Amino acid sequence: MANVDRPFEAVWKIVKKIPRGRVATYGQISQLIGRRLTPVGVGWAIRAAGDDRIPWQRVVNASGGISTDDQHPGLQRAMLEAEGVRFERDGRIDLARYGWKPRLR
């Protein structure tokens, strides 16, 4: 891949590490890759990967919500619920409970 794709690859590598039943935010992933992409750029990288390459459903916005549901209405929520993630009445995920806390080396 060209050098321009390397930040996308970094995003994919991180997203693949998010365990089942946990979520991370776009901003958190941006921080973990050294801010080589903004949170919006992280979203672009996730979309560029395609649905079957990474566990994209485990990435949510900073409020614990689903940012977009355009292509697959309800799919992200259903996939997360199948992993044991529960949503609050307002449609958000409790990040203190379900947020991924990776160990940094």
Protein backbone atom coordinates (compact mmCIF):
# COMPACT_ATOMS: atom_id res chain seq x y z
CA MET A 1 0.00 0.00 0.00
CA ALA A 2 1.06 3.56 -0.54
CA ASN A 3 2.37 5.62 2.36
CA VAL A 4 -0.90 7.55 2.52
CA ASP A 5 -2.65 4.34 3.59
CA ARG A 6 -0.39 3.61 6.56
CA PRO A 7 -2.50 5.59 9.05
CA PHE A 8 -5.52 3.60 7.88
CA GLU A 9 -3.60 0.38 8.51
CA ALA A 10 -2.76 1.62 12.02
CA VAL A 11 -6.48 2.20 12.66
CA TRP A 12 -7.36 -1.28 11.42
CA LYS A 13 -4.70 -2.86 13.63
CA ILE A 14 -6.08 -1.10 16.72
CA VAL A 15 -9.73 -1.85 15.91
CA LYS A 16 -8.90 -5.55 15.52
CA LYS A 17 -7.66 -5.51 19.14
CA ILE A 18 -10.93 -4.25 20.66
CA PRO A 19 -12.32 -7.26 22.53
CA ARG A 20 -15.80 -8.63 22.05
CA GLY A 21 -18.24 -6.86 24.38
CA ARG A 22 -16.14 -3.67 24.54
CA VAL A 23 -16.17 -0.44 22.55
CA ALA A 24 -13.68 2.30 21.76
CA THR A 25 -14.29 5.84 20.55
CA TYR A 26 -13.05 7.41 17.34
CA GLY A 27 -11.05 9.88 19.44
CA GLN A 28 -9.53 7.13 21.54
CA ILE A 29 -8.30 5.36 18.40
CA SER A 30 -6.93 8.66 17.10
CA GLN A 31 -4.90 9.00 20.30
CA LEU A 32 -3.69 5.40 20.13
CA ILE A 33 -2.26 5.93 16.65
CA GLY A 34 -0.49 9.11 17.70
CA ARG A 35 -3.12 11.45 16.24
CA ARG A 36 -2.00 10.67 12.68
CA LEU A 37 -5.71 10.93 11.84
CA THR A 38 -8.45 13.00 13.43
CA PRO A 39 -11.46 11.16 14.86
CA VAL A 40 -13.23 11.89 11.55
CA GLY A 41 -10.26 10.38 9.70
CA VAL A 42 -10.56 7.30 11.90
CA GLY A 43 -14.14 6.98 10.66
CA TRP A 44 -12.94 7.19 7.05
CA ALA A 45 -10.38 4.47 7.72
CA ILE A 46 -13.02 2.21 9.24
CA ARG A 47 -15.35 2.69 6.27
CA ALA A 48 -12.47 2.05 3.85
CA ALA A 49 -11.75 -1.31 5.49
CA GLY A 50 -15.09 -2.81 4.53
CA ASP A 51 -17.56 -4.55 6.80
CA ASP A 52 -15.84 -7.91 7.04
CA ARG A 53 -12.19 -6.95 7.65
CA ILE A 54 -12.44 -5.38 11.10
CA PRO A 55 -14.96 -5.33 13.99
CA TRP A 56 -16.16 -1.85 12.99
CA GLN A 57 -19.24 -2.12 15.18
CA ARG A 58 -17.05 -1.72 18.28
CA VAL A 59 -16.21 1.91 17.48
CA VAL A 60 -18.62 4.56 18.72
CA ASN A 61 -18.65 8.31 19.19
CA ALA A 62 -17.36 10.16 22.25
CA SER A 63 -20.83 10.12 23.84
CA GLY A 64 -21.10 6.34 23.54
CA GLY A 65 -23.54 6.62 20.66
CA ILE A 66 -23.72 5.32 17.15
CA SER A 67 -22.61 8.13 14.84
CA THR A 68 -24.19 7.00 11.63
CA ASP A 69 -26.68 4.36 10.75
CA ASP A 70 -27.08 5.20 7.07
CA GLN A 71 -25.98 2.03 5.32
CA HIS A 72 -27.23 -0.60 7.76
CA PRO A 73 -29.97 0.79 10.02
CA GLY A 74 -29.84 -0.89 13.42
CA LEU A 75 -27.03 -3.29 12.47
CA GLN A 76 -24.31 -1.81 14.69
CA ARG A 77 -26.58 -1.80 17.72
CA ALA A 78 -27.75 -5.37 17.05
CA MET A 79 -24.16 -6.58 16.65
CA LEU A 80 -23.07 -4.92 19.89
CA GLU A 81 -26.07 -6.25 21.79
CA ALA A 82 -25.21 -9.74 20.52
CA GLU A 83 -21.78 -9.25 22.12
CA GLY A 84 -23.38 -8.35 25.46
CA VAL A 85 -23.15 -4.55 25.21
CA ARG A 86 -26.26 -2.88 26.62
CA PHE A 87 -27.59 0.49 25.58
CA GLU A 88 -29.04 3.09 27.94
CA ARG A 89 -32.56 4.45 27.40
CA ASP A 90 -31.11 7.38 25.46
CA GLY A 91 -29.46 5.01 22.98
CA ARG A 92 -25.96 5.44 24.32
CA ILE A 93 -23.47 2.97 25.72
CA ASP A 94 -22.05 3.46 29.22
CA LEU A 95 -18.38 3.96 28.31
CA ALA A 96 -17.31 3.53 31.93
CA ARG A 97 -18.76 0.02 31.84
CA TYR A 98 -18.15 -1.11 28.25
CA GLY A 99 -15.27 1.11 27.17
CA TRP A 100 -12.06 -0.63 26.15
CA LYS A 101 -9.05 0.23 28.28
CA PRO A 102 -6.01 -1.06 26.40
CA ARG A 103 -2.73 -1.61 28.15
CA LEU A 104 -0.14 0.69 26.65
CA ARG A 105 3.40 -0.53 26.33
